[in-house]
N, C-alpha and C. Protein backbone atom coordinates (compact mmCIF):
# COMPACT_ATOMS: atom_id res chain seq x y z
N MET A 1 -57.45 34.45 2.65
CA MET A 1 -56.98 35.02 3.89
C MET A 1 -55.47 35.29 3.75
N ARG A 2 -55.07 36.47 4.13
CA ARG A 2 -53.67 36.89 3.97
C ARG A 2 -52.70 36.04 4.78
N ALA A 3 -53.08 35.68 5.98
CA ALA A 3 -52.18 34.88 6.82
C ALA A 3 -51.85 33.55 6.15
N TYR A 4 -52.83 32.94 5.53
CA TYR A 4 -52.59 31.68 4.83
C TYR A 4 -51.70 31.89 3.61
N GLN A 5 -51.90 32.99 2.91
CA GLN A 5 -51.06 33.28 1.74
C GLN A 5 -49.60 33.47 2.17
N ARG A 6 -49.38 34.14 3.29
CA ARG A 6 -48.02 34.31 3.81
C ARG A 6 -47.40 32.96 4.18
N PHE A 7 -48.22 32.12 4.80
CA PHE A 7 -47.77 30.78 5.17
C PHE A 7 -47.34 29.99 3.93
N LYS A 8 -48.17 30.00 2.89
CA LYS A 8 -47.85 29.27 1.65
C LYS A 8 -46.57 29.82 1.02
N ARG A 9 -46.42 31.12 1.01
CA ARG A 9 -45.22 31.74 0.43
C ARG A 9 -43.98 31.36 1.25
N CYS A 10 -44.14 31.32 2.55
CA CYS A 10 -43.01 31.01 3.44
C CYS A 10 -42.54 29.57 3.25
N ILE A 11 -43.46 28.62 3.23
CA ILE A 11 -43.03 27.22 3.09
C ILE A 11 -42.77 26.84 1.65
N GLY A 12 -43.17 27.67 0.72
CA GLY A 12 -42.95 27.38 -0.68
C GLY A 12 -41.83 28.21 -1.24
N GLN A 13 -42.18 29.29 -1.89
CA GLN A 13 -41.20 30.14 -2.57
C GLN A 13 -40.12 30.64 -1.62
N GLY A 14 -40.46 30.85 -0.37
CA GLY A 14 -39.49 31.37 0.60
C GLY A 14 -38.43 30.35 1.00
N ASN A 15 -38.66 29.10 0.69
CA ASN A 15 -37.73 28.05 1.07
C ASN A 15 -37.48 27.07 -0.07
N LEU A 16 -37.24 27.61 -1.24
CA LEU A 16 -37.00 26.76 -2.41
C LEU A 16 -35.80 25.84 -2.24
N TRP A 17 -34.86 26.23 -1.40
CA TRP A 17 -33.68 25.40 -1.19
C TRP A 17 -34.08 24.01 -0.70
N LEU A 18 -35.14 23.92 0.12
CA LEU A 18 -35.60 22.61 0.61
C LEU A 18 -35.97 21.70 -0.55
N TYR A 19 -36.70 22.26 -1.50
CA TYR A 19 -37.17 21.49 -2.65
C TYR A 19 -36.00 21.11 -3.55
N VAL A 20 -35.09 22.05 -3.78
CA VAL A 20 -33.94 21.79 -4.65
C VAL A 20 -33.05 20.70 -4.06
N VAL A 21 -32.74 20.80 -2.79
CA VAL A 21 -31.88 19.80 -2.15
C VAL A 21 -32.57 18.43 -2.17
N SER A 22 -33.85 18.41 -1.90
CA SER A 22 -34.60 17.15 -1.91
C SER A 22 -34.59 16.50 -3.30
N VAL A 23 -34.85 17.30 -4.32
CA VAL A 23 -34.86 16.77 -5.70
C VAL A 23 -33.48 16.23 -6.06
N LEU A 24 -32.44 16.98 -5.74
CA LEU A 24 -31.08 16.55 -6.09
C LEU A 24 -30.65 15.33 -5.29
N ASP A 25 -31.13 15.19 -4.07
CA ASP A 25 -30.85 13.99 -3.29
C ASP A 25 -31.47 12.76 -3.95
N LYS A 26 -32.65 12.93 -4.49
CA LYS A 26 -33.36 11.81 -5.11
C LYS A 26 -32.85 11.50 -6.52
N ARG A 27 -32.56 12.54 -7.30
CA ARG A 27 -32.22 12.36 -8.71
C ARG A 27 -30.73 12.39 -9.00
N GLY A 28 -29.95 12.92 -8.08
CA GLY A 28 -28.53 13.08 -8.36
C GLY A 28 -28.28 14.45 -8.98
N PRO A 29 -27.02 14.77 -9.26
CA PRO A 29 -26.69 16.08 -9.83
C PRO A 29 -27.44 16.35 -11.13
N LEU A 30 -27.88 17.60 -11.28
CA LEU A 30 -28.62 18.02 -12.48
C LEU A 30 -28.04 19.34 -12.99
N HIS A 31 -28.26 19.60 -14.27
CA HIS A 31 -27.88 20.91 -14.80
C HIS A 31 -28.96 21.93 -14.42
N GLY A 32 -28.62 23.18 -14.56
CA GLY A 32 -29.49 24.26 -14.09
C GLY A 32 -30.91 24.20 -14.62
N TYR A 33 -31.05 24.01 -15.93
CA TYR A 33 -32.40 24.03 -16.49
C TYR A 33 -33.23 22.85 -16.00
N ALA A 34 -32.60 21.70 -15.76
CA ALA A 34 -33.33 20.55 -15.22
C ALA A 34 -33.84 20.84 -13.81
N ILE A 35 -33.06 21.58 -13.02
CA ILE A 35 -33.52 21.96 -11.68
C ILE A 35 -34.74 22.86 -11.80
N ILE A 36 -34.69 23.81 -12.71
CA ILE A 36 -35.82 24.72 -12.92
C ILE A 36 -37.05 23.93 -13.35
N GLN A 37 -36.87 22.97 -14.25
CA GLN A 37 -38.00 22.15 -14.69
C GLN A 37 -38.59 21.34 -13.54
N GLU A 38 -37.74 20.82 -12.68
CA GLU A 38 -38.23 20.06 -11.52
C GLU A 38 -39.04 20.95 -10.59
N LEU A 39 -38.58 22.18 -10.38
CA LEU A 39 -39.35 23.11 -9.54
C LEU A 39 -40.70 23.42 -10.17
N ARG A 40 -40.73 23.56 -11.47
CA ARG A 40 -42.00 23.81 -12.17
C ARG A 40 -42.94 22.62 -12.02
N LYS A 41 -42.40 21.41 -12.09
CA LYS A 41 -43.23 20.20 -11.89
C LYS A 41 -43.86 20.19 -10.50
N LEU A 42 -43.15 20.78 -9.54
CA LEU A 42 -43.65 20.85 -8.17
C LEU A 42 -44.65 21.99 -7.97
N GLY A 43 -44.91 22.74 -9.04
CA GLY A 43 -45.91 23.80 -8.96
C GLY A 43 -45.38 25.20 -8.79
N PHE A 44 -44.06 25.37 -8.82
CA PHE A 44 -43.49 26.70 -8.69
C PHE A 44 -43.38 27.35 -10.07
N ASN A 45 -44.02 28.49 -10.21
CA ASN A 45 -44.04 29.20 -11.49
C ASN A 45 -42.87 30.18 -11.51
N ILE A 46 -41.68 29.67 -11.83
CA ILE A 46 -40.50 30.53 -11.84
C ILE A 46 -39.96 30.63 -13.27
N SER A 47 -39.43 31.79 -13.56
CA SER A 47 -38.83 32.00 -14.88
C SER A 47 -37.44 31.37 -14.90
N ALA A 48 -36.94 31.16 -16.10
CA ALA A 48 -35.59 30.61 -16.25
C ALA A 48 -34.56 31.56 -15.62
N VAL A 49 -34.73 32.86 -15.85
CA VAL A 49 -33.79 33.83 -15.30
C VAL A 49 -33.77 33.75 -13.77
N TYR A 50 -34.96 33.75 -13.15
CA TYR A 50 -35.02 33.66 -11.69
C TYR A 50 -34.41 32.34 -11.22
N GLY A 51 -34.66 31.27 -11.96
CA GLY A 51 -34.12 29.96 -11.59
C GLY A 51 -32.60 29.96 -11.56
N TYR A 52 -31.98 30.55 -12.59
CA TYR A 52 -30.52 30.60 -12.62
C TYR A 52 -29.96 31.51 -11.54
N VAL A 53 -30.63 32.60 -11.26
CA VAL A 53 -30.20 33.49 -10.17
C VAL A 53 -30.28 32.74 -8.84
N LEU A 54 -31.36 32.01 -8.65
CA LEU A 54 -31.55 31.21 -7.44
C LEU A 54 -30.43 30.17 -7.29
N ILE A 55 -30.11 29.48 -8.37
CA ILE A 55 -29.05 28.47 -8.32
C ILE A 55 -27.71 29.11 -7.98
N LYS A 56 -27.39 30.24 -8.62
CA LYS A 56 -26.13 30.94 -8.32
C LYS A 56 -26.07 31.37 -6.86
N ARG A 57 -27.20 31.85 -6.33
CA ARG A 57 -27.25 32.26 -4.93
C ARG A 57 -27.04 31.05 -4.02
N MET A 58 -27.63 29.91 -4.39
CA MET A 58 -27.46 28.71 -3.58
C MET A 58 -26.01 28.22 -3.60
N VAL A 59 -25.32 28.39 -4.71
CA VAL A 59 -23.90 28.05 -4.77
C VAL A 59 -23.12 29.00 -3.87
N ALA A 60 -23.40 30.29 -3.96
CA ALA A 60 -22.69 31.28 -3.14
C ALA A 60 -22.94 31.06 -1.65
N ASP A 61 -24.15 30.59 -1.30
CA ASP A 61 -24.51 30.35 0.10
C ASP A 61 -24.04 28.99 0.61
N GLY A 62 -23.46 28.17 -0.27
CA GLY A 62 -22.97 26.86 0.16
C GLY A 62 -24.03 25.77 0.18
N VAL A 63 -25.19 26.06 -0.38
CA VAL A 63 -26.27 25.05 -0.45
C VAL A 63 -25.95 24.04 -1.55
N LEU A 64 -25.48 24.54 -2.68
CA LEU A 64 -25.15 23.69 -3.82
C LEU A 64 -23.67 23.78 -4.13
N VAL A 65 -23.15 22.72 -4.73
CA VAL A 65 -21.78 22.72 -5.24
C VAL A 65 -21.85 22.40 -6.73
N GLU A 66 -20.91 22.96 -7.46
CA GLU A 66 -20.83 22.70 -8.89
C GLU A 66 -20.01 21.44 -9.12
N VAL A 67 -20.52 20.59 -10.02
CA VAL A 67 -19.86 19.34 -10.38
C VAL A 67 -19.77 19.31 -11.89
N GLU A 68 -18.59 18.99 -12.42
CA GLU A 68 -18.47 18.91 -13.88
C GLU A 68 -18.44 17.45 -14.31
N ARG A 69 -19.33 17.13 -15.25
CA ARG A 69 -19.38 15.78 -15.82
C ARG A 69 -19.51 15.88 -17.32
N GLU A 70 -18.61 15.23 -18.01
CA GLU A 70 -18.63 15.21 -19.47
C GLU A 70 -18.72 16.63 -20.05
N GLY A 71 -18.00 17.55 -19.44
CA GLY A 71 -17.96 18.92 -19.92
C GLY A 71 -19.17 19.76 -19.58
N ARG A 72 -20.09 19.22 -18.79
CA ARG A 72 -21.29 19.97 -18.40
C ARG A 72 -21.22 20.34 -16.92
N LYS A 73 -21.71 21.52 -16.62
CA LYS A 73 -21.77 21.95 -15.23
C LYS A 73 -23.08 21.45 -14.63
N LEU A 74 -22.95 20.64 -13.59
CA LEU A 74 -24.10 20.13 -12.86
C LEU A 74 -24.05 20.66 -11.44
N TYR A 75 -25.16 20.54 -10.75
CA TYR A 75 -25.25 21.01 -9.37
C TYR A 75 -25.69 19.87 -8.47
N ALA A 76 -25.08 19.81 -7.31
CA ALA A 76 -25.40 18.82 -6.30
C ALA A 76 -25.51 19.52 -4.95
N PRO A 77 -26.26 18.95 -4.02
CA PRO A 77 -26.33 19.58 -2.70
C PRO A 77 -25.03 19.37 -1.93
N SER A 78 -24.67 20.37 -1.15
CA SER A 78 -23.50 20.22 -0.28
C SER A 78 -23.87 19.30 0.87
N GLU A 79 -22.86 18.77 1.53
CA GLU A 79 -23.12 17.90 2.69
C GLU A 79 -23.85 18.68 3.78
N GLU A 80 -23.47 19.92 3.98
CA GLU A 80 -24.15 20.74 4.99
C GLU A 80 -25.61 20.93 4.64
N ALA A 81 -25.92 21.14 3.36
CA ALA A 81 -27.31 21.31 2.94
C ALA A 81 -28.12 20.04 3.18
N ARG A 82 -27.50 18.89 2.93
CA ARG A 82 -28.19 17.62 3.20
C ARG A 82 -28.54 17.49 4.68
N GLU A 83 -27.59 17.86 5.53
CA GLU A 83 -27.83 17.81 6.97
C GLU A 83 -28.92 18.80 7.39
N LYS A 84 -28.86 20.01 6.86
CA LYS A 84 -29.86 21.02 7.20
C LYS A 84 -31.24 20.62 6.71
N LEU A 85 -31.31 19.92 5.56
CA LEU A 85 -32.60 19.42 5.08
C LEU A 85 -33.20 18.44 6.08
N LYS A 86 -32.38 17.54 6.60
CA LYS A 86 -32.86 16.59 7.62
C LYS A 86 -33.41 17.32 8.83
N HIS A 87 -32.68 18.34 9.28
CA HIS A 87 -33.14 19.13 10.43
C HIS A 87 -34.45 19.86 10.11
N ALA A 88 -34.55 20.41 8.91
CA ALA A 88 -35.77 21.12 8.51
C ALA A 88 -36.97 20.18 8.48
N VAL A 89 -36.77 18.97 7.97
CA VAL A 89 -37.86 17.99 7.93
C VAL A 89 -38.27 17.63 9.36
N ASP A 90 -37.30 17.45 10.24
CA ASP A 90 -37.63 17.17 11.65
C ASP A 90 -38.40 18.33 12.26
N ASP A 91 -37.98 19.56 11.97
CA ASP A 91 -38.69 20.73 12.48
C ASP A 91 -40.13 20.77 11.98
N LEU A 92 -40.32 20.43 10.71
CA LEU A 92 -41.69 20.42 10.16
C LEU A 92 -42.53 19.33 10.81
N ARG A 93 -41.94 18.17 11.04
CA ARG A 93 -42.68 17.10 11.73
C ARG A 93 -43.08 17.54 13.13
N ASN A 94 -42.16 18.19 13.84
CA ASN A 94 -42.47 18.68 15.19
C ASN A 94 -43.58 19.72 15.17
N LEU A 95 -43.55 20.59 14.17
CA LEU A 95 -44.60 21.59 14.03
C LEU A 95 -45.94 20.92 13.79
N LEU A 96 -45.97 19.93 12.92
CA LEU A 96 -47.22 19.21 12.65
C LEU A 96 -47.77 18.55 13.90
N GLN A 97 -46.89 17.98 14.70
CA GLN A 97 -47.33 17.36 15.96
C GLN A 97 -47.93 18.41 16.90
N LEU A 98 -47.34 19.57 16.95
CA LEU A 98 -47.87 20.62 17.82
C LEU A 98 -49.23 21.13 17.36
N LEU A 99 -49.41 21.16 16.04
CA LEU A 99 -50.64 21.74 15.48
C LEU A 99 -51.80 20.76 15.39
N THR A 100 -51.50 19.47 15.43
CA THR A 100 -52.59 18.49 15.27
C THR A 100 -52.83 17.71 16.53
């Protein structure tokens, strides 16, 4: 059913920032390829090129910040992204309550 496919795309691929911020909150700062690998473990079939474009866009949008450790560029969620993740989780809980 198309409506369900749109729903899956919206909560999945359409909101990858939720997954990235959540992973980085749990694991700490990661380099770009590790973020891509984590998304793949979660079932997202993304290419390395798309993954790096996504990360750069998240940096430009203020979702991620670049952190340098031992000469490597790592990415961490911004404080605002952490707060927005909490709000998004609350919104999803409220939606579940309405639907069930």
